[in-house]
């Protein structure tokens, strides 16, 4: 049994329904071809557009995202910030994070899989650390999230974690020095725990 969900295929090929005795019938082939063209315009395009604009959270438009917000039970108005309107990309991010929040068991391996999918880009990577005391999960970024992303991270409680466990953020944009048995944790145990995630984002001055 495959673990990969197959891509939906809404294409229609009515010509396959012609049995071999009528392959050479021009009139029948013409009728079926025109009917097939109608299905491509009226059915295939409809379902392809629906999949792109509504079903797929990575490409859904504002209409589709509004439907998803009802299904997922999430609001696009951040508490305390009624005047800030999210962009379409921010809405997609909110819905995707909420979806992950609902389906994950919040173990560190699962959370790190989500962090890799949602936050790892050409700018850098992101991962979660467990202090092993049930106080919080520490979310570490090796790049400074832009203002749009920082707003979602700080003003929406959507990052997956166990119940009653807090969260913290660290921005580490340098190669840290570590120590340990056979130096196994070089790059994992910095002396400085990095800067905090802030919003609005203030650029560093020289």
Foldseek 3Di string as FASTA:
>chain_A
DDPDDDDDQFQDDQVVVDDPVCPPPPVVVVVSVVVNVVCCVPPVVVVVCCCQQAVDLQRHFPVNLVVLCVVLVHDQQFPPRNPDGADRNLSSLQSVLSVLQVPDPADQVSLQVVQQVRPADPQFGKGWDDPPPLAAIEIETLHADAQNVLCCVPRPPRRHHDPPHHYFYFHHNDQAADDDDVSPCGSPDHPDRHDGHDPPDDDDDD
